[in-house]
PDB file of N, CA and C in Angstrom:
ATOM      1  N   MET A   1     125.054  83.026 151.956  1.00  0.00           N
ATOM      2  CA  MET A   1     125.274  83.679 153.232  1.00  0.00           C
ATOM      3  C   MET A   1     123.904  83.926 153.875  1.00  0.00           C
ATOM      4  N   ALA A   2     123.773  83.619 155.133  1.00  0.00           N
ATOM      5  CA  ALA A   2     122.519  83.830 155.853  1.00  0.00           C
ATOM      6  C   ALA A   2     122.493  85.227 156.464  1.00  0.00           C
ATOM      7  N   ARG A   3     121.305  85.800 156.570  1.00  0.00           N
ATOM      8  CA  ARG A   3     121.154  87.137 157.162  1.00  0.00           C
ATOM      9  C   ARG A   3     121.765  87.189 158.558  1.00  0.00           C
ATOM     10  N   GLU A   4     121.682  86.088 159.287  1.00  0.00           N
ATOM     11  CA  GLU A   4     122.226  86.046 160.649  1.00  0.00           C
ATOM     12  C   GLU A   4     123.738  86.256 160.686  1.00  0.00           C
ATOM     13  N   GLN A   5     124.415  86.068 159.565  1.00  0.00           N
ATOM     14  CA  GLN A   5     125.861  86.257 159.481  1.00  0.00           C
ATOM     15  C   GLN A   5     126.237  87.706 159.189  1.00  0.00           C
ATOM     16  N   LEU A   6     125.240  88.563 158.991  1.00  0.00           N
ATOM     17  CA  LEU A   6     125.474  89.959 158.651  1.00  0.00           C
ATOM     18  C   LEU A   6     125.219  90.856 159.852  1.00  0.00           C
ATOM     19  N   THR A   7     125.874  92.013 159.868  1.00  0.00           N
ATOM     20  CA  THR A   7     125.624  93.025 160.883  1.00  0.00           C
ATOM     21  C   THR A   7     124.641  94.035 160.310  1.00  0.00           C
ATOM     22  N   ARG A   8     123.467  94.137 160.923  1.00  0.00           N
ATOM     23  CA  ARG A   8     122.454  95.080 160.452  1.00  0.00           C
ATOM     24  C   ARG A   8     122.820  96.479 160.909  1.00  0.00           C
ATOM     25  N   LEU A   9     122.882  97.425 159.967  1.00  0.00           N
ATOM     26  CA  LEU A   9     123.235  98.807 160.274  1.00  0.00           C
ATOM     27  C   LEU A   9     122.020  99.721 160.312  1.00  0.00           C
ATOM     28  N   THR A  10     120.909  99.309 159.710  1.00  0.00           N
ATOM     29  CA  THR A  10     119.709 100.144 159.642  1.00  0.00           C
ATOM     30  C   THR A  10     118.478  99.268 159.784  1.00  0.00           C
ATOM     31  N   GLY A  11     117.324  99.890 159.951  1.00  0.00           N
ATOM     32  CA  GLY A  11     116.049  99.176 159.952  1.00  0.00           C
ATOM     33  C   GLY A  11     115.764  98.455 161.255  1.00  0.00           C
ATOM     34  N   ASN A  12     114.622  97.752 161.278  1.00  0.00           N
ATOM     35  CA  ASN A  12     114.215  97.076 162.503  1.00  0.00           C
ATOM     36  C   ASN A  12     114.660  95.629 162.572  1.00  0.00           C
ATOM     37  N   GLY A  13     115.231  95.104 161.475  1.00  0.00           N
ATOM     38  CA  GLY A  13     115.866  93.798 161.523  1.00  0.00           C
ATOM     39  C   GLY A  13     115.026  92.582 161.242  1.00  0.00           C
ATOM     40  N   ASN A  14     113.729  92.725 160.909  1.00  0.00           N
ATOM     41  CA  ASN A  14     112.969  91.501 160.670  1.00  0.00           C
ATOM     42  C   ASN A  14     113.116  90.995 159.238  1.00  0.00           C
ATOM     43  N   GLY A  15     113.707  91.810 158.349  1.00  0.00           N
ATOM     44  CA  GLY A  15     114.067  91.348 157.017  1.00  0.00           C
ATOM     45  C   GLY A  15     112.929  91.166 156.039  1.00  0.00           C
ATOM     46  N   ASN A  16     111.756  91.696 156.329  1.00  0.00           N
ATOM     47  CA  ASN A  16     110.613  91.517 155.441  1.00  0.00           C
ATOM     48  C   ASN A  16     110.209  92.832 154.806  1.00  0.00           C
ATOM     49  N   CYS A  17     110.467  92.997 153.503  1.00  0.00           N
ATOM     50  CA  CYS A  17     110.007  94.185 152.800  1.00  0.00           C
ATOM     51  C   CYS A  17     108.490  94.218 152.845  1.00  0.00           C
ATOM     52  N   GLY A  18     107.955  95.403 152.875  1.00  0.00           N
ATOM     53  CA  GLY A  18     106.515  95.549 152.931  1.00  0.00           C
ATOM     54  C   GLY A  18     105.981  95.546 154.348  1.00  0.00           C
ATOM     55  N   LYS A  19     106.847  95.316 155.320  1.00  0.00           N
ATOM     56  CA  LYS A  19     106.448  95.319 156.726  1.00  0.00           C
ATOM     57  C   LYS A  19     107.328  96.294 157.495  1.00  0.00           C
ATOM     58  N   ASP A  20     107.539  97.469 156.912  1.00  0.00           N
ATOM     59  CA  ASP A  20     108.328  98.545 157.529  1.00  0.00           C
ATOM     60  C   ASP A  20     109.772  98.146 157.834  1.00  0.00           C
ATOM     61  N   ASP A  21     110.372  97.281 157.005  1.00  0.00           N
ATOM     62  CA  ASP A  21     111.759  96.882 157.222  1.00  0.00           C
ATOM     63  C   ASP A  21     112.624  97.116 155.991  1.00  0.00           C
ATOM     64  N   CYS A  22     112.167  97.851 155.030  1.00  0.00           N
ATOM     65  CA  CYS A  22     112.975  98.134 153.849  1.00  0.00           C
ATOM     66  C   CYS A  22     112.957  99.617 153.624  1.00  0.00           C
ATOM     67  N   PRO A  23     113.999 100.125 153.091  1.00  0.00           N
ATOM     68  CA  PRO A  23     115.254  99.468 152.770  1.00  0.00           C
ATOM     69  C   PRO A  23     116.100  99.230 154.017  1.00  0.00           C
ATOM     70  N   ASP A  24     117.169  98.470 153.843  1.00  0.00           N
ATOM     71  CA  ASP A  24     118.043  98.130 154.952  1.00  0.00           C
ATOM     72  C   ASP A  24     119.473  97.966 154.434  1.00  0.00           C
ATOM     73  N   VAL A  25     120.445  98.220 155.291  1.00  0.00           N
ATOM     74  CA  VAL A  25     121.861  98.071 154.935  1.00  0.00           C
ATOM     75  C   VAL A  25     122.507  97.136 155.948  1.00  0.00           C
ATOM     76  N   TYR A  26     123.263  96.167 155.438  1.00  0.00           N
ATOM     77  CA  TYR A  26     123.976  95.204 156.266  1.00  0.00           C
ATOM     78  C   TYR A  26     125.459  95.267 155.935  1.00  0.00           C
ATOM     79  N   ARG A  27     126.304  94.839 156.876  1.00  0.00           N
ATOM     80  CA  ARG A  27     127.746  94.740 156.647  1.00  0.00           C
ATOM     81  C   ARG A  27     128.151  93.286 156.782  1.00  0.00           C
ATOM     82  N   THR A  28     129.001  92.819 155.861  1.00  0.00           N
ATOM     83  CA  THR A  28     129.482  91.437 155.903  1.00  0.00           C
ATOM     84  C   THR A  28     130.731  91.339 156.774  1.00  0.00           C
ATOM     85  N   ALA A  29     131.125  90.120 157.094  1.00  0.00           N
ATOM     86  CA  ALA A  29     132.327  89.895 157.896  1.00  0.00           C
ATOM     87  C   ALA A  29     133.574  90.430 157.195  1.00  0.00           C
ATOM     88  N   SER A  30     133.556  90.466 155.856  1.00  0.00           N
ATOM     89  CA  SER A  30     134.721  90.965 155.109  1.00  0.00           C
ATOM     90  C   SER A  30     134.711  92.485 154.958  1.00  0.00           C
ATOM     91  N   GLY A  31     133.630  93.148 155.454  1.00  0.00           N
ATOM     92  CA  GLY A  31     133.568  94.608 155.399  1.00  0.00           C
ATOM     93  C   GLY A  31     132.783  95.174 154.243  1.00  0.00           C
ATOM     94  N   SER A  32     132.271  94.324 153.347  1.00  0.00           N
ATOM     95  CA  SER A  32     131.450  94.842 152.252  1.00  0.00           C
ATOM     96  C   SER A  32     130.022  95.050 152.748  1.00  0.00           C
ATOM     97  N   PHE A  33     129.174  95.627 151.904  1.00  0.00           N
ATOM     98  CA  PHE A  33     127.811  95.957 152.291  1.00  0.00           C
ATOM     99  C   PHE A  33     126.805  95.208 151.440  1.00  0.00           C
ATOM    100  N   VAL A  34     125.683  94.865 152.036  1.00  0.00           N
ATOM    101  CA  VAL A  34     124.548  94.273 151.346  1.00  0.00           C
ATOM    102  C   VAL A  34     123.381  95.231 151.571  1.00  0.00           C
ATOM    103  N   VAL A  35     122.709  95.614 150.484  1.00  0.00           N
ATOM    104  CA  VAL A  35     121.584  96.549 150.569  1.00  0.00           C
ATOM    105  C   VAL A  35     120.304  95.812 150.192  1.00  0.00           C
ATOM    106  N   GLN A  36     119.308  95.922 151.043  1.00  0.00           N
ATOM    107  CA  GLN A  36     117.987  95.349 150.782  1.00  0.00           C
ATOM    108  C   GLN A  36     117.047  96.514 150.515  1.00  0.00           C
ATOM    109  N   GLY A  37     116.300  96.451 149.419  1.00  0.00           N
ATOM    110  CA  GLY A  37     115.380  97.534 149.122  1.00  0.00           C
ATOM    111  C   GLY A  37     114.469  97.199 147.973  1.00  0.00           C
ATOM    112  N   ASP A  38     113.690  98.180 147.582  1.00  0.00           N
ATOM    113  CA  ASP A  38     112.779  98.006 146.456  1.00  0.00           C
ATOM    114  C   ASP A  38     113.580  97.915 145.158  1.00  0.00           C
ATOM    115  N   VAL A  39     113.211  96.999 144.299  1.00  0.00           N
ATOM    116  CA  VAL A  39     113.883  96.830 143.020  1.00  0.00           C
ATOM    117  C   VAL A  39     113.653  98.079 142.179  1.00  0.00           C
ATOM    118  N   SER A  40     114.721  98.573 141.551  1.00  0.00           N
ATOM    119  CA  SER A  40     114.638  99.754 140.694  1.00  0.00           C
ATOM    120  C   SER A  40     114.727  99.333 139.231  1.00  0.00           C
ATOM    121  N   ASN A  41     114.001 100.033 138.407  1.00  0.00           N
ATOM    122  CA  ASN A  41     114.044  99.813 136.962  1.00  0.00           C
ATOM    123  C   ASN A  41     114.684 100.994 136.251  1.00  0.00           C
ATOM    124  N   ALA A  42     115.614 101.693 136.919  1.00  0.00           N
ATOM    125  CA  ALA A  42     116.247 102.884 136.352  1.00  0.00           C
ATOM    126  C   ALA A  42     116.992 102.567 135.055  1.00  0.00           C
ATOM    127  N   PHE A  43     117.619 101.409 134.980  1.00  0.00           N
ATOM    128  CA  PHE A  43     118.260 100.924 133.759  1.00  0.00           C
ATOM    129  C   PHE A  43     118.453  99.426 133.916  1.00  0.00           C
ATOM    130  N   THR A  44     118.820  98.754 132.848  1.00  0.00           N
ATOM    131  CA  THR A  44     119.042  97.313 132.899  1.00  0.00           C
ATOM    132  C   THR A  44     120.500  97.046 133.251  1.00  0.00           C
ATOM    133  N   PRO A  45     120.757  96.448 134.430  1.00  0.00           N
ATOM    134  CA  PRO A  45     122.140  96.176 134.823  1.00  0.00           C
ATOM    135  C   PRO A  45     122.688  94.963 134.074  1.00  0.00           C
ATOM    136  N   PRO A  46     124.007  94.778 134.107  1.00  0.00           N
ATOM    137  CA  PRO A  46     124.605  93.603 133.473  1.00  0.00           C
ATOM    138  C   PRO A  46     124.100  92.315 134.124  1.00  0.00           C
ATOM    139  N   ASP A  47     124.202  91.205 133.404  1.00  0.00           N
ATOM    140  CA  ASP A  47     123.815  89.907 133.953  1.00  0.00           C
ATOM    141  C   ASP A  47     124.520  89.664 135.280  1.00  0.00           C
ATOM    142  N   GLY A  48     123.782  89.125 136.228  1.00  0.00           N
ATOM    143  CA  GLY A  48     124.343  88.819 137.534  1.00  0.00           C
ATOM    144  C   GLY A  48     124.308  89.980 138.514  1.00  0.00           C
ATOM    145  N   GLU A  49     123.836  91.143 138.084  1.00  0.00           N
ATOM    146  CA  GLU A  49     123.751  92.311 138.958  1.00  0.00           C
ATOM    147  C   GLU A  49     122.303  92.761 139.055  1.00  0.00           C
ATOM    148  N   GLY A  50     121.997  93.521 140.105  1.00  0.00           N
ATOM    149  CA  GLY A  50     120.652  94.037 140.288  1.00  0.00           C
ATOM    150  C   GLY A  50     120.718  95.452 140.829  1.00  0.00           C
ATOM    151  N   LEU A  51     119.595  96.154 140.763  1.00  0.00           N
ATOM    152  CA  LEU A  51     119.506  97.524 141.262  1.00  0.00           C
ATOM    153  C   LEU A  51     118.461  97.585 142.359  1.00  0.00           C
ATOM    154  N   VAL A  52     118.778  98.268 143.451  1.00  0.00           N
ATOM    155  CA  VAL A  52     117.764  98.584 144.453  1.00  0.00           C
ATOM    156  C   VAL A  52     117.781 100.082 144.662  1.00  0.00           C
ATOM    157  N   GLU A  53     116.657 100.622 145.053  1.00  0.00           N
ATOM    158  CA  GLU A  53     116.549 102.058 145.281  1.00  0.00           C
ATOM    159  C   GLU A  53     116.292 102.292 146.756  1.00  0.00           C
ATOM    160  N   ILE A  54     117.126 103.135 147.381  1.00  0.00           N
ATOM    161  CA  ILE A  54     116.966 103.442 148.798  1.00  0.00           C
ATOM    162  C   ILE A  54     116.976 104.953 148.991  1.00  0.00           C
ATOM    163  N   PRO A  55     116.193 105.463 149.937  1.00  0.00           N
ATOM    164  CA  PRO A  55     116.189 106.900 150.176  1.00  0.00           C
ATOM    165  C   PRO A  55     117.447 107.353 150.908  1.00  0.00           C
ATOM    166  N   GLU A  56     117.806 108.608 150.740  1.00  0.00           N
ATOM    167  CA  GLU A  56     119.039 109.168 151.311  1.00  0.00           C
ATOM    168  C   GLU A  56     119.220 108.919 152.807  1.00  0.00           C
ATOM    169  N   PRO A  57     118.183 108.991 153.637  1.00  0.00           N
ATOM    170  CA  PRO A  57     118.409 108.785 155.075  1.00  0.00           C
ATOM    171  C   PRO A  57     118.978 107.414 155.439  1.00  0.00           C
ATOM    172  N   VAL A  58     118.766 106.400 154.608  1.00  0.00           N
ATOM    173  CA  VAL A  58     119.242 105.057 154.943  1.00  0.00           C
ATOM    174  C   VAL A  58     120.770 104.968 154.941  1.00  0.00           C
ATOM    175  N   PRO A  59     121.478 105.406 153.882  1.00  0.00           N
ATOM    176  CA  PRO A  59     122.939 105.355 153.972  1.00  0.00           C
ATOM    177  C   PRO A  59     123.488 106.279 155.062  1.00  0.00           C
ATOM    178  N   ARG A  60     122.807 107.394 155.315  1.00  0.00           N
ATOM    179  CA  ARG A  60     123.247 108.266 156.410  1.00  0.00           C
ATOM    180  C   ARG A  60     123.178 107.524 157.750  1.00  0.00           C
ATOM    181  N   GLU A  61     122.093 106.755 157.959  1.00  0.00           N
ATOM    182  CA  GLU A  61     121.947 105.975 159.186  1.00  0.00           C
ATOM    183  C   GLU A  61     123.044 104.918 159.286  1.00  0.00           C
ATOM    184  N   ALA A  62     123.373 104.275 158.164  1.00  0.00           N
ATOM    185  CA  ALA A  62     124.433 103.275 158.156  1.00  0.00           C
ATOM    186  C   ALA A  62     125.781 103.891 158.489  1.00  0.00           C
ATOM    187  N   VAL A  63     126.059 105.081 157.957  1.00  0.00           N
ATOM    188  CA  VAL A  63     127.318 105.775 158.249  1.00  0.00           C
ATOM    189  C   VAL A  63     127.388 106.123 159.731  1.00  0.00           C
ATOM    190  N   ARG A  64     126.280 106.592 160.296  1.00  0.00           N
ATOM    191  CA  ARG A  64     126.259 106.896 161.744  1.00  0.00           C
ATOM    192  C   ARG A  64     126.504 105.642 162.570  1.00  0.00           C
ATOM    193  N   ALA A  65     125.900 104.512 162.148  1.00  0.00           N
ATOM    194  CA  ALA A  65     126.075 103.247 162.875  1.00  0.00           C
ATOM    195  C   ALA A  65     127.537 102.803 162.891  1.00  0.00           C
ATOM    196  N   LEU A  66     128.254 103.126 161.824  1.00  0.00           N
ATOM    197  CA  LEU A  66     129.677 102.764 161.732  1.00  0.00           C
ATOM    198  C   LEU A  66     130.581 103.789 162.408  1.00  0.00           C
ATOM    199  N   GLY A  67     130.031 104.941 162.793  1.00  0.00           N
ATOM    200  CA  GLY A  67     130.827 105.973 163.450  1.00  0.00           C
ATOM    201  C   GLY A  67     131.732 106.739 162.506  1.00  0.00           C
ATOM    202  N   TRP A  68     131.369 106.820 161.233  1.00  0.00           N
ATOM    203  CA  TRP A  68     132.211 107.532 160.251  1.00  0.00           C
ATOM    204  C   TRP A  68     131.940 108.992 160.276  1.00  0.00           C
TER     205      TRP A  68
END
């Protein structure tokens, strides 16, 4: 899936971590969410899964963008 197919809910939209664009939350056409952020080493996830760490204001911004 290309980033252009997602609806950006947070951030400035250039998609480059390290350039003031992370973390970020996107919504897919099916209604699920994709989170872009710094990789977390809090624990080892199962194969095929990953962890990202995002600060509390980011999901709050995404919720506001959705009008929830």
